[in-house]
Amino acid sequence: MIKKIIFFLFLPVFALTQNNSLTYEQANDINHAMTYKNNTVISSYTTKDGFTINVGDTLTIGNAEIDRKNDKYMLKDVFKHIVVGKTKGVTGKEFTHLPHQYAGTKGVVQYIFVKHEKYDGYNPLKNRKEMPLYVNVFIKNPTKERKSIKDFTEALSISRKTIVDIEKALASGELINPNQPLTREEAIKKLKESQDLMELGFLSKEEFEKLRDELTPIILQ
């Protein structure tokens, strides 16, 4: 009987943890952000661009952001927003940033957690919980059967990584954003390809005109 009472007492807390989703707007709403402690684990996050990330999703790492005008990578170049290993709950440690050679690799989301942005002002009474949240994602290499030398090499590579501030990682291209809007050049290319497909009979005139209407605002911007 006592076990049943304890179970039902903790059931609401468990359910809340399992369904604790967050959006970009909520993360930047100070009143909402103040309800979160650093390292609080959430079940899903919807980014500024409407990209929803859930535990179990597979993410693709993009190219490391570098500040040089020459876009060629050097051996020691690393990702700015992706580090090696776990960072949740770890303080006073300088993390190793992921080498740029990991561009194009994938990772499965293990958990998502939030932190409050650092306060850089001069008010000694400022509570850090009054700052917006930024979202971090811990990922691991996908599990697969090892059949080739390449598979074994991947297994020995860096398997655990943390994406620090998912919004910055997406904006910089270090993480591939499936909801990334087309650039003007990409829109023009897509429209030309669609016109070719229409002329070859693989696309109807109505479908082409609909696509043209969607791409026109991007091309004229």
Protein backbone atom coordinates (compact mmCIF):
# COMPACT_ATOMS: atom_id res chain seq x y z
CA MET A 1 0.00 0.00 0.00
CA ILE A 2 2.86 2.38 0.95
CA LYS A 3 4.65 1.63 -2.34
CA LYS A 4 1.52 2.55 -4.29
CA ILE A 5 1.19 5.87 -2.43
CA ILE A 6 4.86 6.75 -3.12
CA PHE A 7 4.42 5.86 -6.82
CA PHE A 8 1.40 8.12 -7.24
CA LEU A 9 3.10 10.95 -5.36
CA PHE A 10 6.05 10.93 -7.78
CA LEU A 11 4.00 10.20 -10.92
CA PRO A 12 3.19 13.90 -11.70
CA VAL A 13 6.87 14.85 -11.37
CA PHE A 14 7.92 12.01 -13.67
CA ALA A 15 5.27 12.92 -16.25
CA LEU A 16 6.33 16.58 -16.18
CA THR A 17 9.98 15.64 -16.80
CA GLN A 18 9.07 13.38 -19.71
CA ASN A 19 6.95 16.06 -21.46
CA ASN A 20 9.13 19.08 -20.75
CA SER A 21 9.43 20.67 -24.19
CA LEU A 22 10.81 24.14 -24.92
CA THR A 23 10.66 26.63 -27.81
CA TYR A 24 13.00 29.43 -28.85
CA GLU A 25 10.42 32.00 -27.80
CA GLN A 26 10.08 30.45 -24.33
CA ALA A 27 13.87 30.26 -23.89
CA ASN A 28 14.09 34.02 -24.49
CA ASP A 29 11.09 34.88 -22.32
CA ILE A 30 12.72 35.87 -19.01
CA ASN A 31 9.65 34.98 -16.92
CA HIS A 32 9.59 31.50 -18.46
CA ALA A 33 13.37 31.09 -18.35
CA MET A 34 13.42 31.82 -14.61
CA THR A 35 11.49 28.61 -13.97
CA TYR A 36 14.49 26.59 -15.17
CA LYS A 37 17.70 25.72 -13.34
CA ASN A 38 20.99 25.21 -15.16
CA ASN A 39 21.36 21.68 -16.58
CA THR A 40 17.61 21.01 -16.56
CA VAL A 41 16.91 18.19 -19.03
CA ILE A 42 14.10 18.73 -21.55
CA SER A 43 12.43 16.28 -23.91
CA SER A 44 12.40 18.45 -27.07
CA TYR A 45 13.33 21.88 -28.38
CA THR A 46 11.90 23.90 -31.28
CA THR A 47 14.42 26.33 -32.76
CA LYS A 48 13.98 29.86 -34.08
CA ASP A 49 13.47 28.43 -37.59
CA GLY A 50 10.85 25.90 -36.45
CA PHE A 51 13.19 22.88 -36.42
CA THR A 52 12.09 20.54 -33.61
CA ILE A 53 14.77 18.37 -32.02
CA ASN A 54 13.74 15.33 -29.97
CA VAL A 55 15.65 12.71 -28.03
CA GLY A 56 16.48 9.90 -30.46
CA ASP A 57 16.70 12.16 -33.53
CA THR A 58 19.73 11.91 -35.80
CA LEU A 59 21.58 15.18 -36.45
CA THR A 60 24.18 15.91 -39.13
CA ILE A 61 27.29 17.93 -38.34
CA GLY A 62 28.09 20.64 -40.90
CA ASN A 63 31.36 22.47 -41.51
CA ALA A 64 33.44 24.09 -38.78
CA GLU A 65 33.17 27.87 -38.67
CA ILE A 66 36.52 29.63 -39.19
CA ASP A 67 37.34 33.33 -39.05
CA ARG A 68 39.97 33.41 -41.80
CA LYS A 69 39.13 34.89 -45.20
CA ASN A 70 40.74 31.84 -46.78
CA ASP A 71 38.10 29.11 -46.40
CA LYS A 72 40.61 26.27 -46.59
CA TYR A 73 40.92 24.29 -43.39
CA MET A 74 44.16 23.80 -41.51
CA LEU A 75 45.02 20.69 -39.51
CA LYS A 76 44.30 22.26 -36.11
CA ASP A 77 40.98 23.90 -37.03
CA VAL A 78 38.08 22.95 -34.74
CA PHE A 79 34.35 23.53 -34.33
CA LYS A 80 33.35 26.56 -32.26
CA HIS A 81 30.05 25.18 -30.96
CA ILE A 82 30.71 21.43 -30.70
CA VAL A 83 32.96 19.95 -28.02
CA VAL A 84 34.17 16.47 -27.15
CA GLY A 85 32.36 14.52 -24.42
CA LYS A 86 29.70 15.53 -21.90
CA THR A 87 29.40 19.05 -20.46
CA LYS A 88 26.21 18.73 -18.41
CA GLY A 89 26.91 19.39 -14.75
CA VAL A 90 30.65 19.91 -15.34
CA THR A 91 32.17 23.16 -14.08
CA GLY A 92 35.68 24.59 -14.06
CA LYS A 93 36.84 22.47 -16.97
CA GLU A 94 38.08 23.61 -20.37
CA PHE A 95 36.57 21.33 -23.01
CA THR A 96 38.28 20.11 -26.16
CA HIS A 97 36.60 21.37 -29.30
CA LEU A 98 35.76 18.85 -32.01
CA PRO A 99 38.28 18.66 -34.91
CA HIS A 100 36.96 20.01 -38.23
CA GLN A 101 37.46 16.59 -39.86
CA TYR A 102 34.19 15.43 -38.30
CA ALA A 103 32.13 17.47 -40.78
CA GLY A 104 29.41 15.35 -42.37
CA THR A 105 29.23 12.82 -39.54
CA LYS A 106 26.00 12.05 -37.71
CA GLY A 107 24.99 11.82 -34.08
CA VAL A 108 21.93 10.53 -32.23
CA VAL A 109 20.44 12.84 -29.59
CA GLN A 110 20.83 11.29 -26.11
CA TYR A 111 19.50 14.21 -24.10
CA ILE A 112 18.85 17.96 -24.33
CA PHE A 113 19.54 20.40 -21.51
CA VAL A 114 19.42 24.13 -20.87
CA LYS A 115 21.67 26.71 -19.29
CA HIS A 116 21.25 30.38 -18.55
CA GLU A 117 23.32 32.80 -20.59
CA LYS A 118 26.22 34.39 -18.73
CA TYR A 119 25.63 37.86 -17.34
CA ASP A 120 28.42 40.25 -18.40
CA GLY A 121 27.09 43.38 -16.72
CA TYR A 122 28.17 45.17 -13.56
CA ASN A 123 25.15 44.63 -11.32
CA PRO A 124 26.35 42.44 -8.41
CA LEU A 125 22.75 41.68 -7.44
CA LYS A 126 21.83 40.33 -10.88
CA ASN A 127 20.45 36.80 -10.69
CA ARG A 128 21.70 34.57 -13.49
CA LYS A 129 18.27 32.95 -13.64
CA GLU A 130 17.03 36.29 -14.96
CA MET A 131 19.00 35.67 -18.16
CA PRO A 132 17.64 33.85 -21.28
CA LEU A 133 18.31 30.15 -21.79
CA TYR A 134 20.52 28.52 -24.37
CA VAL A 135 20.02 24.90 -25.37
CA ASN A 136 22.70 22.19 -25.48
CA VAL A 137 22.45 18.75 -27.07
CA PHE A 138 24.47 15.66 -26.16
CA ILE A 139 24.88 13.23 -29.06
CA LYS A 140 26.51 9.84 -29.66
CA ASN A 141 27.53 8.04 -32.84
CA PRO A 142 24.72 5.94 -34.37
CA THR A 143 24.86 2.28 -33.41
CA LYS A 144 25.47 0.01 -36.39
CA GLU A 145 26.86 -3.40 -37.20
CA ARG A 146 30.59 -3.33 -37.86
CA LYS A 147 31.39 -5.12 -41.10
CA SER A 148 34.32 -3.23 -42.60
CA ILE A 149 37.60 -1.64 -41.49
CA LYS A 150 35.92 1.75 -41.90
CA ASP A 151 33.19 0.73 -39.43
CA PHE A 152 35.80 -0.27 -36.84
CA THR A 153 37.71 2.99 -37.42
CA GLU A 154 34.53 4.98 -36.80
CA ALA A 155 33.91 3.01 -33.62
CA LEU A 156 37.31 4.12 -32.30
CA SER A 157 36.69 7.77 -33.20
CA ILE A 158 35.22 10.45 -30.94
CA SER A 159 31.77 9.03 -30.27
CA ARG A 160 30.39 11.46 -27.68
CA LYS A 161 29.92 15.15 -28.38
CA THR A 162 28.00 18.10 -26.97
CA ILE A 163 26.55 20.81 -29.20
CA VAL A 164 26.88 23.98 -27.12
CA ASP A 165 24.13 26.50 -27.93
CA ILE A 166 22.12 24.82 -30.68
CA GLU A 167 20.97 28.16 -32.16
CA LYS A 168 24.56 29.33 -32.74
CA ALA A 169 25.54 25.94 -34.16
CA LEU A 170 22.68 26.11 -36.67
CA ALA A 171 23.27 29.77 -37.59
CA SER A 172 26.98 29.15 -38.23
CA GLY A 173 26.37 26.03 -40.32
CA GLU A 174 28.21 23.78 -37.86
CA LEU A 175 24.97 21.82 -37.58
CA ILE A 176 22.86 21.12 -40.67
CA ASN A 177 19.47 22.84 -40.47
CA PRO A 178 16.79 21.05 -42.54
CA ASN A 179 14.58 24.15 -42.22
CA GLN A 180 17.26 26.56 -43.43
CA PRO A 181 15.62 29.01 -45.88
CA LEU A 182 16.96 29.08 -49.44
CA THR A 183 19.43 31.78 -50.43
CA ARG A 184 18.71 33.91 -53.52
CA GLU A 185 21.24 31.91 -55.55
CA GLU A 186 19.72 28.59 -54.43
CA ALA A 187 16.20 29.82 -55.29
CA ILE A 188 17.29 30.87 -58.81
CA LYS A 189 18.98 27.52 -59.37
CA LYS A 190 15.92 25.61 -58.17
CA LEU A 191 13.60 27.65 -60.43
CA LYS A 192 15.80 27.03 -63.49
CA GLU A 193 15.92 23.31 -62.76
CA SER A 194 12.14 23.23 -62.35
CA GLN A 195 11.68 25.03 -65.68
CA ASP A 196 13.87 22.42 -67.37
CA LEU A 197 11.78 19.65 -65.79
CA MET A 198 8.57 21.30 -67.02
CA GLU A 199 9.93 21.56 -70.57
CA LEU A 200 10.88 17.88 -70.46
CA GLY A 201 7.40 16.96 -69.27
CA PHE A 202 8.37 15.86 -65.75
CA LEU A 203 6.61 18.81 -64.10
CA SER A 204 3.21 20.30 -64.91
CA LYS A 205 2.77 23.99 -65.72
CA GLU A 206 0.60 24.41 -62.63
CA GLU A 207 3.28 22.88 -60.38
CA PHE A 208 5.96 25.11 -61.92
CA GLU A 209 3.88 28.27 -61.49
CA LYS A 210 3.15 27.39 -57.86
CA LEU A 211 6.86 26.90 -57.19
CA ARG A 212 7.70 30.13 -59.03
CA ASP A 213 5.26 32.04 -56.81
CA GLU A 214 6.94 30.58 -53.71
CA LEU A 215 10.47 31.40 -54.89
CA THR A 216 9.79 34.87 -56.33
CA PRO A 217 9.96 36.72 -52.95
CA ILE A 218 13.34 35.11 -52.22
CA ILE A 219 14.74 35.95 -55.67
CA LEU A 220 13.55 39.59 -55.52
CA GLN A 221 14.84 40.29 -52.01
